[in-house]
Amino acid sequence: GVEEEVPEETVTTWLDKNNLGQYAQAFDEEGWDSLDAVASMSEADLLQLGIKRGHVRRMMLALHKEKWRLGTAHSNLGGRGDARGDGRGEAGAGGHSQGRRSSSPPER
């Protein structure tokens, strides 16, 4: 019966659920005490809390899912916005860009 709706999940229980419970104290100390607030966090916010980069990635994916469950797509991530944060590291690592035609002038 609990699957349908979790009435008041806390930041701590959410972190535990995502195997990131070791960060509960950091969130609490910095005042990130509601899931609504946490859903609006950026990658930079998470890194400032001292969260390891790999865990930041895992948290961003979990936050993306959580936003839709909570109905907080109106947060400052704007629904699609976390592609901005996720894409940063991977675009440089890939080495090839699809946007070349706009940067190279047409041949004469």
C-alpha atoms as a PDB file:
ATOM      1  CA  GLY A   1       0.000   0.000   0.000  1.00  0.00           C
ATOM      2  CA  VAL A   2       2.845   2.520   0.504  1.00  0.00           C
ATOM      3  CA  GLU A   3       3.874   2.348  -3.174  1.00  0.00           C
ATOM      4  CA  GLU A   4       1.074   4.646  -4.328  1.00  0.00           C
ATOM      5  CA  GLU A   5       1.970   7.684  -2.242  1.00  0.00           C
ATOM      6  CA  VAL A   6       4.664   8.474   0.301  1.00  0.00           C
ATOM      7  CA  PRO A   7       3.052  11.341   2.234  1.00  0.00           C
ATOM      8  CA  GLU A   8       6.021  13.136   3.833  1.00  0.00           C
ATOM      9  CA  GLU A   9       9.317  11.650   2.727  1.00  0.00           C
ATOM     10  CA  THR A  10      12.190  13.515   4.338  1.00  0.00           C
ATOM     11  CA  VAL A  11      15.513  14.439   2.775  1.00  0.00           C
ATOM     12  CA  THR A  12      17.162  11.860   5.030  1.00  0.00           C
ATOM     13  CA  THR A  13      14.839   9.007   4.005  1.00  0.00           C
ATOM     14  CA  TRP A  14      15.215  10.017   0.340  1.00  0.00           C
ATOM     15  CA  LEU A  15      19.019   9.956   0.646  1.00  0.00           C
ATOM     16  CA  ASP A  16      18.853   6.565   2.393  1.00  0.00           C
ATOM     17  CA  LYS A  17      16.576   5.218  -0.344  1.00  0.00           C
ATOM     18  CA  ASN A  18      19.197   6.250  -2.935  1.00  0.00           C
ATOM     19  CA  ASN A  19      22.115   4.791  -0.914  1.00  0.00           C
ATOM     20  CA  LEU A  20      23.441   8.290  -0.216  1.00  0.00           C
ATOM     21  CA  GLY A  21      22.541   8.495   3.471  1.00  0.00           C
ATOM     22  CA  GLN A  22      26.099   9.447   4.428  1.00  0.00           C
ATOM     23  CA  TYR A  23      25.305  12.977   3.170  1.00  0.00           C
ATOM     24  CA  ALA A  24      22.219  13.542   5.359  1.00  0.00           C
ATOM     25  CA  GLN A  25      24.170  15.581   7.927  1.00  0.00           C
ATOM     26  CA  ALA A  26      25.695  17.848   5.253  1.00  0.00           C
ATOM     27  CA  PHE A  27      22.240  18.564   3.792  1.00  0.00           C
ATOM     28  CA  ASP A  28      20.831  19.274   7.255  1.00  0.00           C
ATOM     29  CA  GLU A  29      23.727  21.527   8.320  1.00  0.00           C
ATOM     30  CA  GLU A  30      23.323  23.669   5.192  1.00  0.00           C
ATOM     31  CA  GLY A  31      19.545  23.944   5.561  1.00  0.00           C
ATOM     32  CA  TRP A  32      18.498  21.722   2.652  1.00  0.00           C
ATOM     33  CA  ASP A  33      15.674  20.257   4.715  1.00  0.00           C
ATOM     34  CA  SER A  34      12.833  19.781   2.233  1.00  0.00           C
ATOM     35  CA  LEU A  35      12.677  17.628  -0.880  1.00  0.00           C
ATOM     36  CA  ASP A  36      11.172  20.566  -2.740  1.00  0.00           C
ATOM     37  CA  ALA A  37      14.312  22.596  -2.001  1.00  0.00           C
ATOM     38  CA  VAL A  38      16.602  19.658  -2.773  1.00  0.00           C
ATOM     39  CA  ALA A  39      14.839  19.140  -6.135  1.00  0.00           C
ATOM     40  CA  SER A  40      15.923  22.668  -7.108  1.00  0.00           C
ATOM     41  CA  MET A  41      19.625  22.065  -6.336  1.00  0.00           C
ATOM     42  CA  SER A  42      22.236  22.402  -9.056  1.00  0.00           C
ATOM     43  CA  GLU A  43      25.323  20.288  -9.531  1.00  0.00           C
ATOM     44  CA  ALA A  44      27.364  23.173  -8.070  1.00  0.00           C
ATOM     45  CA  ASP A  45      25.166  23.195  -4.936  1.00  0.00           C
ATOM     46  CA  LEU A  46      25.798  19.485  -4.440  1.00  0.00           C
ATOM     47  CA  LEU A  47      29.548  19.824  -4.963  1.00  0.00           C
ATOM     48  CA  GLN A  48      29.627  22.672  -2.406  1.00  0.00           C
ATOM     49  CA  LEU A  49      28.187  20.280   0.174  1.00  0.00           C
ATOM     50  CA  GLY A  50      31.280  18.116  -0.316  1.00  0.00           C
ATOM     51  CA  ILE A  51      29.513  15.367  -2.237  1.00  0.00           C
ATOM     52  CA  LYS A  52      31.789  13.211  -4.393  1.00  0.00           C
ATOM     53  CA  ARG A  53      31.453  13.832  -8.145  1.00  0.00           C
ATOM     54  CA  GLY A  54      30.202  10.307  -8.885  1.00  0.00           C
ATOM     55  CA  HIS A  55      27.598  10.640  -6.158  1.00  0.00           C
ATOM     56  CA  VAL A  56      26.596  14.050  -7.535  1.00  0.00           C
ATOM     57  CA  ARG A  57      25.834  12.345 -10.860  1.00  0.00           C
ATOM     58  CA  ARG A  58      23.778   9.667  -9.116  1.00  0.00           C
ATOM     59  CA  MET A  59      21.976  12.348  -7.091  1.00  0.00           C
ATOM     60  CA  MET A  60      21.159  14.420 -10.198  1.00  0.00           C
ATOM     61  CA  LEU A  61      19.593  11.368 -11.847  1.00  0.00           C
ATOM     62  CA  ALA A  62      17.600  10.589  -8.702  1.00  0.00           C
ATOM     63  CA  LEU A  63      16.527  14.244  -8.381  1.00  0.00           C
ATOM     64  CA  HIS A  64      15.313  14.235 -11.981  1.00  0.00           C
ATOM     65  CA  LYS A  65      13.045  11.271 -11.208  1.00  0.00           C
ATOM     66  CA  GLU A  66      11.959  12.829  -7.913  1.00  0.00           C
ATOM     67  CA  LYS A  67      10.988  16.138  -9.552  1.00  0.00           C
ATOM     68  CA  TRP A  68       8.390  14.439 -11.705  1.00  0.00           C
ATOM     69  CA  ARG A  69       7.078  12.371  -8.787  1.00  0.00           C
ATOM     70  CA  LEU A  70       6.741  15.477  -6.614  1.00  0.00           C
ATOM     71  CA  GLY A  71       5.340  17.566  -9.455  1.00  0.00           C
ATOM     72  CA  THR A  72       8.084  20.161  -9.050  1.00  0.00           C
ATOM     73  CA  ALA A  73       9.032  20.464 -12.704  1.00  0.00           C
ATOM     74  CA  HIS A  74       8.584  24.219 -12.188  1.00  0.00           C
ATOM     75  CA  SER A  75      11.769  24.276 -10.060  1.00  0.00           C
ATOM     76  CA  ASN A  76      14.723  26.253 -11.384  1.00  0.00           C
ATOM     77  CA  LEU A  77      15.888  23.174 -13.283  1.00  0.00           C
ATOM     78  CA  GLY A  78      12.806  23.635 -15.456  1.00  0.00           C
ATOM     79  CA  GLY A  79      12.223  19.980 -16.271  1.00  0.00           C
ATOM     80  CA  ARG A  80      14.821  19.671 -19.011  1.00  0.00           C
ATOM     81  CA  GLY A  81      17.436  21.887 -17.388  1.00  0.00           C
ATOM     82  CA  ASP A  82      19.502  19.186 -15.763  1.00  0.00           C
ATOM     83  CA  ALA A  83      20.667  18.139 -19.227  1.00  0.00           C
ATOM     84  CA  ARG A  84      22.755  21.300 -18.918  1.00  0.00           C
ATOM     85  CA  GLY A  85      24.522  19.968 -15.848  1.00  0.00           C
ATOM     86  CA  ASP A  86      24.771  16.369 -17.068  1.00  0.00           C
ATOM     87  CA  GLY A  87      25.960  17.263 -20.556  1.00  0.00           C
ATOM     88  CA  ARG A  88      28.861  19.426 -19.441  1.00  0.00           C
ATOM     89  CA  GLY A  89      31.295  16.649 -18.558  1.00  0.00           C
ATOM     90  CA  GLU A  90      30.292  14.287 -21.318  1.00  0.00           C
ATOM     91  CA  ALA A  91      30.364  16.726 -24.241  1.00  0.00           C
ATOM     92  CA  GLY A  92      34.068  17.447 -23.729  1.00  0.00           C
ATOM     93  CA  ALA A  93      34.930  13.786 -23.188  1.00  0.00           C
ATOM     94  CA  GLY A  94      33.324  12.649 -26.458  1.00  0.00           C
ATOM     95  CA  GLY A  95      35.641  14.739 -28.597  1.00  0.00           C
ATOM     96  CA  HIS A  96      33.252  15.139 -31.524  1.00  0.00           C
ATOM     97  CA  SER A  97      30.554  17.752 -31.849  1.00  0.00           C
ATOM     98  CA  GLN A  98      27.419  17.657 -33.971  1.00  0.00           C
ATOM     99  CA  GLY A  99      27.343  21.465 -34.242  1.00  0.00           C
ATOM    100  CA  ARG A 100      30.254  21.800 -36.676  1.00  0.00           C
ATOM    101  CA  ARG A 101      28.320  23.086 -39.658  1.00  0.00           C
ATOM    102  CA  SER A 102      27.404  26.319 -37.852  1.00  0.00           C
ATOM    103  CA  SER A 103      31.033  27.064 -36.903  1.00  0.00           C
ATOM    104  CA  SER A 104      32.740  26.260 -40.231  1.00  0.00           C
ATOM    105  CA  PRO A 105      32.231  28.710 -43.118  1.00  0.00           C
ATOM    106  CA  PRO A 106      30.846  27.376 -46.395  1.00  0.00           C
ATOM    107  CA  GLU A 107      33.442  26.427 -49.005  1.00  0.00           C
ATOM    108  CA  ARG A 108      33.900  28.859 -51.909  1.00  0.00           C
END
